[in-house]
């Protein structure tokens, strides 16, 4: 079975690099983009197994990108995990109402990320 493909959409390069490195080190294939608009284009083209997406990004927020992806037949079933530095309940609920699978609050422990990603991929039968 091929390695699961994960799309990381995060506008802060340091955070994006850390996430990408952590996931690649754990054996995932990773593609990365810097904003929500690119996330929609890349997801539609590459069909990743999972999307990790920051909430606050330029051009299109994570919420807006999630709405578009969940509305498209081809990308509707890709699990989306939101990343946010803000832990407010309302933000979390908004993300989950839009169809996100989970909400990770930054910063998180690097070893926590692959475990949670594995759990979701397993739930969706991707690994």
N, C-alpha and C. Protein backbone atom coordinates (compact mmCIF):
# COMPACT_ATOMS: atom_id res chain seq x y z
N UNK A 1 0.84 -1.19 0.00
CA UNK A 1 0.00 0.00 0.00
C UNK A 1 0.88 1.25 0.00
N UNK A 2 0.53 2.23 -0.80
CA UNK A 2 1.37 3.43 -0.87
C UNK A 2 1.17 4.29 0.37
N UNK A 3 2.14 5.15 0.59
CA UNK A 3 2.08 6.03 1.75
C UNK A 3 0.92 7.01 1.59
N UNK A 4 0.20 7.30 2.69
CA UNK A 4 -0.87 8.29 2.61
C UNK A 4 -0.31 9.67 2.24
N UNK A 5 -1.08 10.40 1.43
CA UNK A 5 -0.70 11.74 0.99
C UNK A 5 -1.44 12.78 1.83
N UNK A 6 -0.67 13.68 2.41
CA UNK A 6 -1.25 14.71 3.26
C UNK A 6 -0.96 16.09 2.69
N UNK A 7 -2.00 16.89 2.61
CA UNK A 7 -1.86 18.28 2.15
C UNK A 7 -1.81 19.16 3.39
N UNK A 8 -0.75 19.97 3.49
CA UNK A 8 -0.60 20.91 4.60
C UNK A 8 -0.78 22.32 4.06
N UNK A 9 -1.78 23.03 4.58
CA UNK A 9 -2.03 24.42 4.19
C UNK A 9 -1.81 25.30 5.41
N UNK A 10 -0.71 26.03 5.38
CA UNK A 10 -0.31 26.87 6.53
C UNK A 10 0.50 28.03 6.00
N UNK A 11 0.12 29.26 6.36
CA UNK A 11 0.81 30.43 5.81
C UNK A 11 2.11 30.77 6.52
N UNK A 12 2.30 30.30 7.74
CA UNK A 12 3.56 30.58 8.44
C UNK A 12 4.58 29.51 8.13
N UNK A 13 5.64 29.92 7.43
CA UNK A 13 6.62 28.95 6.92
C UNK A 13 7.24 28.08 8.00
N UNK A 14 7.62 28.67 9.14
CA UNK A 14 8.27 27.89 10.21
C UNK A 14 7.37 26.77 10.70
N UNK A 15 6.11 27.10 10.90
CA UNK A 15 5.15 26.10 11.37
C UNK A 15 4.93 25.05 10.29
N UNK A 16 4.78 25.53 9.05
CA UNK A 16 4.55 24.60 7.93
C UNK A 16 5.72 23.64 7.79
N UNK A 17 6.94 24.16 7.85
CA UNK A 17 8.13 23.32 7.74
C UNK A 17 8.18 22.26 8.84
N UNK A 18 7.83 22.66 10.05
CA UNK A 18 7.84 21.73 11.18
C UNK A 18 6.81 20.62 10.97
N UNK A 19 5.62 20.99 10.54
CA UNK A 19 4.56 20.00 10.30
C UNK A 19 4.97 19.05 9.19
N UNK A 20 5.47 19.62 8.09
CA UNK A 20 5.89 18.80 6.94
C UNK A 20 6.99 17.84 7.36
N UNK A 21 7.99 18.34 8.05
CA UNK A 21 9.11 17.49 8.50
C UNK A 21 8.60 16.37 9.40
N UNK A 22 7.76 16.71 10.36
CA UNK A 22 7.22 15.73 11.31
C UNK A 22 6.45 14.62 10.58
N UNK A 23 5.63 15.01 9.64
CA UNK A 23 4.82 14.02 8.91
C UNK A 23 5.69 13.16 7.98
N UNK A 24 6.65 13.80 7.30
CA UNK A 24 7.54 13.03 6.41
C UNK A 24 8.39 12.05 7.22
N UNK A 25 8.85 12.50 8.37
CA UNK A 25 9.65 11.65 9.25
C UNK A 25 8.84 10.44 9.71
N UNK A 26 7.53 10.62 9.81
CA UNK A 26 6.64 9.53 10.24
C UNK A 26 6.17 8.66 9.07
N UNK A 27 6.71 8.94 7.88
CA UNK A 27 6.43 8.07 6.74
C UNK A 27 5.30 8.50 5.81
N UNK A 28 4.83 9.73 5.96
CA UNK A 28 3.77 10.22 5.06
C UNK A 28 4.37 10.96 3.88
N UNK A 29 3.62 10.98 2.78
CA UNK A 29 3.98 11.85 1.66
C UNK A 29 3.26 13.16 1.93
N UNK A 30 3.95 14.28 1.72
CA UNK A 30 3.36 15.57 2.07
C UNK A 30 3.49 16.57 0.92
N UNK A 31 2.40 17.27 0.66
CA UNK A 31 2.44 18.41 -0.26
C UNK A 31 2.02 19.63 0.56
N UNK A 32 2.57 20.79 0.21
CA UNK A 32 2.30 21.96 1.04
C UNK A 32 1.93 23.18 0.22
N UNK A 33 1.07 24.00 0.81
CA UNK A 33 0.66 25.26 0.20
C UNK A 33 0.61 26.32 1.29
N UNK A 34 0.55 27.60 0.87
CA UNK A 34 0.63 28.69 1.83
C UNK A 34 -0.69 29.44 2.07
N UNK A 35 -1.74 29.05 1.36
CA UNK A 35 -3.02 29.72 1.62
C UNK A 35 -4.20 28.84 1.21
N UNK A 36 -5.39 29.28 1.57
CA UNK A 36 -6.60 28.50 1.34
C UNK A 36 -6.93 28.29 -0.13
N UNK A 37 -6.67 29.32 -0.92
CA UNK A 37 -6.95 29.23 -2.36
C UNK A 37 -6.12 28.13 -3.00
N UNK A 38 -4.83 28.12 -2.66
CA UNK A 38 -3.93 27.08 -3.19
C UNK A 38 -4.34 25.71 -2.67
N UNK A 39 -4.82 25.67 -1.42
CA UNK A 39 -5.25 24.40 -0.82
C UNK A 39 -6.37 23.77 -1.64
N UNK A 40 -7.33 24.60 -2.06
CA UNK A 40 -8.46 24.09 -2.86
C UNK A 40 -7.96 23.56 -4.20
N UNK A 41 -7.11 24.35 -4.87
CA UNK A 41 -6.57 23.92 -6.18
C UNK A 41 -5.78 22.62 -6.05
N UNK A 42 -4.88 22.57 -5.06
CA UNK A 42 -4.00 21.42 -4.87
C UNK A 42 -4.80 20.18 -4.49
N UNK A 43 -5.77 20.35 -3.60
CA UNK A 43 -6.57 19.20 -3.15
C UNK A 43 -7.38 18.63 -4.31
N UNK A 44 -7.92 19.51 -5.13
CA UNK A 44 -8.73 19.08 -6.27
C UNK A 44 -7.88 18.31 -7.28
N UNK A 45 -6.63 18.75 -7.45
CA UNK A 45 -5.73 18.13 -8.41
C UNK A 45 -5.08 16.84 -7.86
N UNK A 46 -4.61 16.90 -6.62
CA UNK A 46 -3.82 15.80 -6.05
C UNK A 46 -4.64 14.75 -5.29
N UNK A 47 -5.83 15.12 -4.85
CA UNK A 47 -6.70 14.21 -4.07
C UNK A 47 -5.96 13.58 -2.87
N UNK A 48 -5.53 14.42 -1.92
CA UNK A 48 -4.82 13.87 -0.76
C UNK A 48 -5.73 13.01 0.11
N UNK A 49 -5.12 12.22 0.98
CA UNK A 49 -5.89 11.35 1.88
C UNK A 49 -6.39 12.14 3.08
N UNK A 50 -5.73 13.27 3.36
CA UNK A 50 -6.10 14.09 4.51
C UNK A 50 -5.55 15.50 4.30
N UNK A 51 -6.24 16.49 4.83
CA UNK A 51 -5.80 17.89 4.73
C UNK A 51 -5.65 18.47 6.13
N UNK A 52 -4.48 19.03 6.40
CA UNK A 52 -4.23 19.78 7.63
C UNK A 52 -4.24 21.24 7.22
N UNK A 53 -5.13 22.03 7.81
CA UNK A 53 -5.30 23.39 7.31
C UNK A 53 -5.40 24.41 8.44
N UNK A 54 -4.60 25.45 8.32
CA UNK A 54 -4.66 26.56 9.27
C UNK A 54 -5.98 27.29 9.05
N UNK A 55 -6.51 27.88 10.11
CA UNK A 55 -7.77 28.62 9.98
C UNK A 55 -7.52 29.99 9.36
N UNK A 56 -6.54 30.70 9.89
CA UNK A 56 -6.29 32.08 9.42
C UNK A 56 -5.19 32.10 8.37
N UNK A 57 -5.59 32.27 7.12
CA UNK A 57 -4.63 32.33 6.02
C UNK A 57 -5.05 33.42 5.05
N UNK A 58 -4.08 33.94 4.28
CA UNK A 58 -4.43 34.95 3.26
C UNK A 58 -5.17 34.33 2.07
N UNK A 59 -5.76 35.18 1.25
CA UNK A 59 -6.49 34.84 0.02
C UNK A 59 -7.81 34.11 0.29
N UNK A 60 -7.77 33.11 1.15
CA UNK A 60 -8.97 32.37 1.49
C UNK A 60 -8.69 31.72 2.85
N UNK A 61 -9.57 31.89 3.81
CA UNK A 61 -9.33 31.30 5.13
C UNK A 61 -9.51 29.78 5.06
N UNK A 62 -9.07 29.11 6.10
CA UNK A 62 -9.26 27.67 6.18
C UNK A 62 -10.74 27.31 6.14
N UNK A 63 -11.56 28.13 6.80
CA UNK A 63 -13.01 27.88 6.81
C UNK A 63 -13.59 27.98 5.39
N UNK A 64 -13.19 29.01 4.67
CA UNK A 64 -13.69 29.20 3.29
C UNK A 64 -13.25 28.06 2.39
N UNK A 65 -11.98 27.67 2.54
CA UNK A 65 -11.45 26.56 1.74
C UNK A 65 -12.19 25.26 2.07
N UNK A 66 -12.46 25.05 3.34
CA UNK A 66 -13.18 23.85 3.77
C UNK A 66 -14.58 23.82 3.14
N UNK A 67 -15.25 24.97 3.15
CA UNK A 67 -16.59 25.07 2.55
C UNK A 67 -16.57 24.65 1.09
N UNK A 68 -15.58 25.17 0.35
CA UNK A 68 -15.46 24.85 -1.08
C UNK A 68 -15.19 23.36 -1.27
N UNK A 69 -14.25 22.82 -0.51
CA UNK A 69 -13.87 21.41 -0.65
C UNK A 69 -15.03 20.47 -0.30
N UNK A 70 -15.79 20.83 0.71
CA UNK A 70 -16.93 19.99 1.13
C UNK A 70 -18.10 20.10 0.14
N UNK A 71 -18.10 21.16 -0.66
CA UNK A 71 -19.17 21.36 -1.65
C UNK A 71 -18.87 20.63 -2.97
N UNK A 72 -17.60 20.32 -3.19
CA UNK A 72 -17.21 19.64 -4.43
C UNK A 72 -17.35 18.13 -4.27
N UNK A 73 -17.97 17.51 -5.23
CA UNK A 73 -18.16 16.06 -5.22
C UNK A 73 -16.84 15.32 -5.02
N UNK A 74 -15.81 15.73 -5.78
CA UNK A 74 -14.54 15.00 -5.78
C UNK A 74 -13.76 15.09 -4.46
N UNK A 75 -13.91 16.21 -3.74
CA UNK A 75 -13.11 16.41 -2.52
C UNK A 75 -13.93 16.33 -1.23
N UNK A 76 -15.21 16.10 -1.37
CA UNK A 76 -16.13 16.11 -0.23
C UNK A 76 -15.71 15.17 0.91
N UNK A 77 -15.18 14.00 0.56
CA UNK A 77 -14.90 12.99 1.58
C UNK A 77 -13.49 13.01 2.13
N UNK A 78 -12.69 14.01 1.73
CA UNK A 78 -11.33 14.11 2.28
C UNK A 78 -11.43 14.67 3.70
N UNK A 79 -10.91 13.94 4.70
CA UNK A 79 -10.97 14.49 6.06
C UNK A 79 -10.10 15.74 6.19
N UNK A 80 -10.64 16.74 6.86
CA UNK A 80 -9.93 18.01 7.07
C UNK A 80 -9.72 18.22 8.56
N UNK A 81 -8.49 18.56 8.92
CA UNK A 81 -8.16 18.90 10.30
C UNK A 81 -7.76 20.36 10.32
N UNK A 82 -8.40 21.15 11.16
CA UNK A 82 -8.01 22.56 11.29
C UNK A 82 -6.90 22.71 12.31
N UNK A 83 -5.99 23.62 12.02
CA UNK A 83 -4.93 24.00 12.94
C UNK A 83 -5.20 25.45 13.34
N UNK A 84 -5.17 25.73 14.62
CA UNK A 84 -5.39 27.10 15.03
C UNK A 84 -4.70 27.39 16.35
N UNK A 85 -4.21 28.60 16.47
CA UNK A 85 -3.60 29.03 17.72
C UNK A 85 -4.69 29.47 18.69
N UNK A 86 -5.87 29.66 18.15
CA UNK A 86 -6.98 30.13 18.97
C UNK A 86 -7.82 28.95 19.41
N UNK A 87 -8.00 28.83 20.72
CA UNK A 87 -8.77 27.70 21.22
C UNK A 87 -10.19 28.03 21.62
N UNK A 88 -10.71 29.14 21.11
CA UNK A 88 -12.07 29.51 21.51
C UNK A 88 -13.09 28.49 21.01
N UNK A 89 -14.02 28.18 21.88
CA UNK A 89 -15.06 27.22 21.57
C UNK A 89 -15.80 27.54 20.27
N UNK A 90 -16.11 28.83 20.08
CA UNK A 90 -16.89 29.21 18.89
C UNK A 90 -16.13 28.87 17.61
N UNK A 91 -14.83 29.11 17.62
CA UNK A 91 -14.01 28.79 16.44
C UNK A 91 -14.00 27.30 16.18
N UNK A 92 -13.85 26.54 17.24
CA UNK A 92 -13.82 25.09 17.11
C UNK A 92 -15.14 24.60 16.54
N UNK A 93 -16.24 25.09 17.12
CA UNK A 93 -17.56 24.69 16.64
C UNK A 93 -17.79 25.07 15.18
N UNK A 94 -17.35 26.25 14.79
CA UNK A 94 -17.47 26.67 13.39
C UNK A 94 -16.77 25.68 12.48
N UNK A 95 -15.55 25.32 12.83
CA UNK A 95 -14.78 24.37 12.03
C UNK A 95 -15.46 23.02 11.92
N UNK A 96 -15.98 22.53 13.03
CA UNK A 96 -16.62 21.23 13.03
C UNK A 96 -17.95 21.26 12.27
N UNK A 97 -18.66 22.38 12.38
CA UNK A 97 -19.92 22.52 11.64
C UNK A 97 -19.69 22.52 10.13
N UNK A 98 -18.54 23.04 9.71
CA UNK A 98 -18.21 23.09 8.28
C UNK A 98 -17.79 21.72 7.76
N UNK A 99 -17.65 20.76 8.64
CA UNK A 99 -17.33 19.41 8.20
C UNK A 99 -15.93 18.94 8.54
N UNK A 100 -15.19 19.73 9.33
CA UNK A 100 -13.84 19.31 9.72
C UNK A 100 -13.93 18.09 10.63
N UNK A 101 -12.93 17.26 10.53
CA UNK A 101 -12.87 16.05 11.33
C UNK A 101 -12.41 16.35 12.75
N UNK A 102 -11.40 17.21 12.86
CA UNK A 102 -10.84 17.54 14.16
C UNK A 102 -10.27 18.93 14.13
N UNK A 103 -9.86 19.38 15.30
CA UNK A 103 -9.33 20.72 15.47
C UNK A 103 -8.09 20.60 16.33
N UNK A 104 -6.92 20.91 15.81
CA UNK A 104 -5.69 20.85 16.60
C UNK A 104 -5.33 22.27 17.01
N UNK A 105 -5.03 22.44 18.27
CA UNK A 105 -4.62 23.76 18.76
C UNK A 105 -3.09 23.83 18.74
N UNK A 106 -2.57 24.90 18.11
CA UNK A 106 -1.12 25.11 18.08
C UNK A 106 -0.72 25.85 19.36
N UNK A 107 0.47 25.62 19.90
CA UNK A 107 1.41 24.59 19.46
C UNK A 107 1.00 23.21 20.00
N UNK A 108 1.39 22.17 19.28
CA UNK A 108 1.14 20.81 19.75
C UNK A 108 2.46 20.07 19.77
N UNK A 109 2.51 18.99 20.53
CA UNK A 109 3.73 18.19 20.60
C UNK A 109 3.93 17.49 19.27
N UNK A 110 5.14 17.59 18.70
CA UNK A 110 5.38 16.98 17.38
C UNK A 110 4.97 15.52 17.27
N UNK A 111 5.17 14.73 18.33
CA UNK A 111 4.83 13.30 18.24
C UNK A 111 3.31 13.07 18.30
N UNK A 112 2.59 14.07 18.76
CA UNK A 112 1.13 13.98 18.86
C UNK A 112 0.49 14.01 17.46
N UNK A 113 1.08 14.79 16.58
CA UNK A 113 0.52 15.00 15.24
C UNK A 113 0.41 13.69 14.43
N UNK A 114 1.50 12.94 14.25
CA UNK A 114 1.38 11.70 13.47
C UNK A 114 0.39 10.71 14.08
N UNK A 115 0.34 10.65 15.41
CA UNK A 115 -0.60 9.74 16.08
C UNK A 115 -2.04 10.09 15.72
N UNK A 116 -2.37 11.38 15.80
CA UNK A 116 -3.74 11.81 15.51
C UNK A 116 -4.07 11.65 14.04
N UNK A 117 -3.10 11.94 13.19
CA UNK A 117 -3.28 11.77 11.75
C UNK A 117 -3.52 10.29 11.42
N UNK A 118 -2.71 9.41 12.01
CA UNK A 118 -2.88 7.96 11.82
C UNK A 118 -4.26 7.48 12.23
N UNK A 119 -4.73 8.00 13.36
CA UNK A 119 -6.04 7.60 13.87
C UNK A 119 -7.14 7.97 12.88
N UNK A 120 -7.07 9.17 12.33
CA UNK A 120 -8.09 9.62 11.39
C UNK A 120 -8.00 8.86 10.07
N UNK A 121 -6.78 8.64 9.59
CA UNK A 121 -6.60 7.88 8.35
C UNK A 121 -7.11 6.45 8.51
N UNK A 122 -6.91 5.88 9.67
CA UNK A 122 -7.40 4.53 9.94
C UNK A 122 -8.92 4.51 9.94
N UNK A 123 -9.51 5.51 10.58
CA UNK A 123 -10.97 5.63 10.65
C UNK A 123 -11.57 5.70 9.24
N UNK A 124 -10.89 6.37 8.33
CA UNK A 124 -11.38 6.52 6.97
C UNK A 124 -10.92 5.41 6.02
N UNK A 125 -10.22 4.42 6.57
CA UNK A 125 -9.76 3.29 5.77
C UNK A 125 -8.67 3.64 4.78
N UNK A 126 -7.87 4.68 5.10
CA UNK A 126 -6.80 5.11 4.20
C UNK A 126 -5.49 4.39 4.48
N UNK A 127 -5.39 3.77 5.66
CA UNK A 127 -4.18 2.97 5.99
C UNK A 127 -4.62 1.69 6.66
